[in-house]
C-alpha atoms as a PDB file:
ATOM      1  CA  MET A   1      43.590 -44.501 114.599  1.00  0.00           C
ATOM      2  CA  THR A   2      46.233 -46.859 113.266  1.00  0.00           C
ATOM      3  CA  LYS A   3      47.054 -50.385 114.387  1.00  0.00           C
ATOM      4  CA  TYR A   4      50.655 -51.126 115.340  1.00  0.00           C
ATOM      5  CA  LEU A   5      52.426 -54.444 115.840  1.00  0.00           C
ATOM      6  CA  ILE A   6      54.929 -54.462 118.698  1.00  0.00           C
ATOM      7  CA  SER A   7      56.921 -57.696 118.783  1.00  0.00           C
ATOM      8  CA  PHE A   8      60.091 -59.518 119.692  1.00  0.00           C
ATOM      9  CA  PRO A   9      61.632 -62.874 118.725  1.00  0.00           C
ATOM     10  CA  SER A  10      61.825 -65.356 121.588  1.00  0.00           C
ATOM     11  CA  GLU A  11      65.626 -65.418 121.562  1.00  0.00           C
ATOM     12  CA  ALA A  12      65.687 -61.682 122.364  1.00  0.00           C
ATOM     13  CA  MET A  13      64.285 -62.232 125.844  1.00  0.00           C
ATOM     14  CA  VAL A  14      67.175 -63.463 127.925  1.00  0.00           C
ATOM     15  CA  VAL A  15      66.115 -63.715 131.555  1.00  0.00           C
ATOM     16  CA  THR A  16      66.892 -66.214 134.280  1.00  0.00           C
ATOM     17  CA  ALA A  17      64.305 -68.618 135.654  1.00  0.00           C
ATOM     18  CA  GLU A  18      64.187 -66.460 138.795  1.00  0.00           C
ATOM     19  CA  GLU A  19      63.560 -63.286 136.748  1.00  0.00           C
ATOM     20  CA  LEU A  20      60.861 -64.782 134.522  1.00  0.00           C
ATOM     21  CA  PRO A  21      57.951 -64.373 136.978  1.00  0.00           C
ATOM     22  CA  ILE A  22      58.967 -60.753 137.617  1.00  0.00           C
ATOM     23  CA  VAL A  23      59.248 -60.000 133.892  1.00  0.00           C
ATOM     24  CA  SER A  24      55.966 -61.777 133.182  1.00  0.00           C
ATOM     25  CA  SER A  25      54.175 -59.785 135.868  1.00  0.00           C
ATOM     26  CA  ALA A  26      55.625 -56.500 134.594  1.00  0.00           C
ATOM     27  CA  ALA A  27      54.659 -57.300 130.984  1.00  0.00           C
ATOM     28  CA  HIS A  28      51.124 -58.258 131.977  1.00  0.00           C
ATOM     29  CA  ALA A  29      50.830 -54.997 133.933  1.00  0.00           C
ATOM     30  CA  VAL A  30      51.642 -53.005 130.779  1.00  0.00           C
ATOM     31  CA  ILE A  31      49.051 -54.987 128.822  1.00  0.00           C
ATOM     32  CA  GLU A  32      46.472 -54.244 131.535  1.00  0.00           C
ATOM     33  CA  GLN A  33      47.366 -50.545 131.193  1.00  0.00           C
ATOM     34  CA  ALA A  34      46.809 -50.764 127.431  1.00  0.00           C
ATOM     35  CA  LYS A  35      43.449 -52.442 127.995  1.00  0.00           C
ATOM     36  CA  ALA A  36      42.444 -49.781 130.520  1.00  0.00           C
ATOM     37  CA  ALA A  37      43.464 -47.078 128.016  1.00  0.00           C
ATOM     38  CA  GLY A  38      41.260 -48.716 125.367  1.00  0.00           C
ATOM     39  CA  VAL A  39      44.128 -49.235 122.887  1.00  0.00           C
ATOM     40  CA  TYR A  40      44.683 -52.990 123.225  1.00  0.00           C
ATOM     41  CA  VAL A  41      43.552 -55.056 120.214  1.00  0.00           C
ATOM     42  CA  PHE A  42      45.222 -58.446 120.594  1.00  0.00           C
ATOM     43  CA  GLY A  43      48.438 -60.037 121.777  1.00  0.00           C
ATOM     44  CA  GLY A  44      50.136 -63.240 122.740  1.00  0.00           C
ATOM     45  CA  GLY A  45      53.031 -65.541 122.155  1.00  0.00           C
ATOM     46  CA  ILE A  46      53.599 -67.832 119.210  1.00  0.00           C
ATOM     47  CA  GLU A  47      53.414 -71.507 120.189  1.00  0.00           C
ATOM     48  CA  GLU A  48      56.870 -72.608 119.074  1.00  0.00           C
ATOM     49  CA  THR A  49      56.394 -76.312 119.806  1.00  0.00           C
ATOM     50  CA  VAL A  50      53.883 -76.552 116.944  1.00  0.00           C
ATOM     51  CA  ASP A  51      55.462 -76.422 113.489  1.00  0.00           C
ATOM     52  CA  PRO A  52      54.007 -73.865 111.080  1.00  0.00           C
ATOM     53  CA  VAL A  53      52.587 -74.978 107.741  1.00  0.00           C
ATOM     54  CA  LEU A  54      52.120 -73.242 104.421  1.00  0.00           C
ATOM     55  CA  VAL A  55      48.601 -73.323 102.977  1.00  0.00           C
ATOM     56  CA  SER A  56      48.932 -72.687  99.227  1.00  0.00           C
ATOM     57  CA  ALA A  57      46.516 -70.838  96.966  1.00  0.00           C
ATOM     58  CA  ASP A  58      45.272 -74.214  95.705  1.00  0.00           C
ATOM     59  CA  GLY A  59      44.480 -75.272  99.275  1.00  0.00           C
ATOM     60  CA  SER A  60      47.350 -77.751  99.624  1.00  0.00           C
ATOM     61  CA  VAL A  61      49.278 -77.814 102.884  1.00  0.00           C
ATOM     62  CA  SER A  62      53.028 -78.340 103.288  1.00  0.00           C
ATOM     63  CA  ALA A  63      55.759 -77.890 105.856  1.00  0.00           C
ATOM     64  CA  ASP A  64      57.729 -75.742 103.390  1.00  0.00           C
ATOM     65  CA  ILE A  65      57.141 -72.271 104.825  1.00  0.00           C
ATOM     66  CA  TYR A  66      58.450 -69.093 103.190  1.00  0.00           C
ATOM     67  CA  PRO A  67      62.262 -68.909 103.155  1.00  0.00           C
ATOM     68  CA  GLY A  68      63.455 -66.583 105.900  1.00  0.00           C
ATOM     69  CA  SER A  69      60.142 -66.717 107.732  1.00  0.00           C
ATOM     70  CA  ARG A  70      60.842 -66.580 111.433  1.00  0.00           C
ATOM     71  CA  LEU A  71      57.682 -65.530 113.213  1.00  0.00           C
ATOM     72  CA  LYS A  72      58.111 -66.537 116.839  1.00  0.00           C
ATOM     73  CA  GLY A  73      58.193 -64.880 120.205  1.00  0.00           C
ATOM     74  CA  GLY A  74      55.606 -62.457 121.489  1.00  0.00           C
ATOM     75  CA  PHE A  75      53.540 -59.683 120.002  1.00  0.00           C
ATOM     76  CA  THR A  76      50.942 -57.064 120.837  1.00  0.00           C
ATOM     77  CA  VAL A  77      48.651 -55.145 118.495  1.00  0.00           C
ATOM     78  CA  LEU A  78      47.576 -51.700 119.687  1.00  0.00           C
ATOM     79  CA  ASP A  79      45.253 -49.156 118.045  1.00  0.00           C
ATOM     80  CA  LEU A  80      46.812 -45.731 118.520  1.00  0.00           C
ATOM     81  CA  PRO A  81      46.391 -42.181 117.230  1.00  0.00           C
ATOM     82  CA  THR A  82      50.065 -41.506 116.396  1.00  0.00           C
ATOM     83  CA  ARG A  83      53.331 -43.267 115.689  1.00  0.00           C
ATOM     84  CA  GLN A  84      54.828 -41.478 118.696  1.00  0.00           C
ATOM     85  CA  ASP A  85      52.158 -43.093 120.881  1.00  0.00           C
ATOM     86  CA  ALA A  86      53.198 -46.449 119.402  1.00  0.00           C
ATOM     87  CA  VAL A  87      56.842 -45.735 120.221  1.00  0.00           C
ATOM     88  CA  ASP A  88      55.855 -44.829 123.781  1.00  0.00           C
ATOM     89  CA  TRP A  89      53.914 -48.074 124.242  1.00  0.00           C
ATOM     90  CA  ALA A  90      56.731 -50.096 122.630  1.00  0.00           C
ATOM     91  CA  ARG A  91      59.094 -48.481 125.136  1.00  0.00           C
ATOM     92  CA  ARG A  92      56.872 -49.556 128.045  1.00  0.00           C
ATOM     93  CA  ILE A  93      56.759 -53.101 126.713  1.00  0.00           C
ATOM     94  CA  ALA A  94      60.532 -53.166 126.105  1.00  0.00           C
ATOM     95  CA  VAL A  95      61.221 -52.047 129.670  1.00  0.00           C
ATOM     96  CA  SER A  96      58.810 -54.586 131.147  1.00  0.00           C
ATOM     97  CA  CYS A  97      60.073 -57.475 128.972  1.00  0.00           C
ATOM     98  CA  ARG A  98      63.704 -56.414 129.350  1.00  0.00           C
ATOM     99  CA  CYS A  99      64.260 -56.738 125.606  1.00  0.00           C
ATOM    100  CA  ALA A 100      64.048 -54.538 122.533  1.00  0.00           C
ATOM    101  CA  GLN A 101      60.780 -54.483 120.600  1.00  0.00           C
ATOM    102  CA  GLU A 102      60.173 -54.137 116.872  1.00  0.00           C
ATOM    103  CA  LEU A 103      57.478 -51.677 115.857  1.00  0.00           C
ATOM    104  CA  ARG A 104      55.507 -52.037 112.635  1.00  0.00           C
ATOM    105  CA  GLU A 105      52.526 -50.111 111.325  1.00  0.00           C
ATOM    106  CA  PHE A 106      49.606 -51.847 109.653  1.00  0.00           C
ATOM    107  CA  MET A 107      48.512 -50.385 106.331  1.00  0.00           C
ATOM    108  CA  HIS A 108      45.291 -48.398 106.336  1.00  0.00           C
ATOM    109  CA  ASP A 109      42.266 -50.405 105.230  1.00  0.00           C
ATOM    110  CA  PRO A 110      39.634 -48.043 103.818  1.00  0.00           C
ATOM    111  CA  ALA A 111      36.974 -50.727 104.342  1.00  0.00           C
ATOM    112  CA  ARG A 112      37.524 -50.599 108.113  1.00  0.00           C
END
């Protein structure tokens, strides 16, 4: 099995205030399906009101994060047998969230 990251930046989800509860319910239903299927690992949304920090190799902390870093929005990590399964789950999430999803594969860790 391989772990896949399915994600979207917050600006990609453009829904009205009236649509938000419907979209939220649909997205949570897909996550419940993933849990029931035994493929759900972890997911959530990045708290965008809290500024990220960079913790350097020497342990120092600064507000200067990597240039171009833009991690925000929502994400789900699923453990799946094939990339096609990952595409299928990403499709379900995209439909429920009403926005395109990025799909990334985690590298194999032989220690796991």
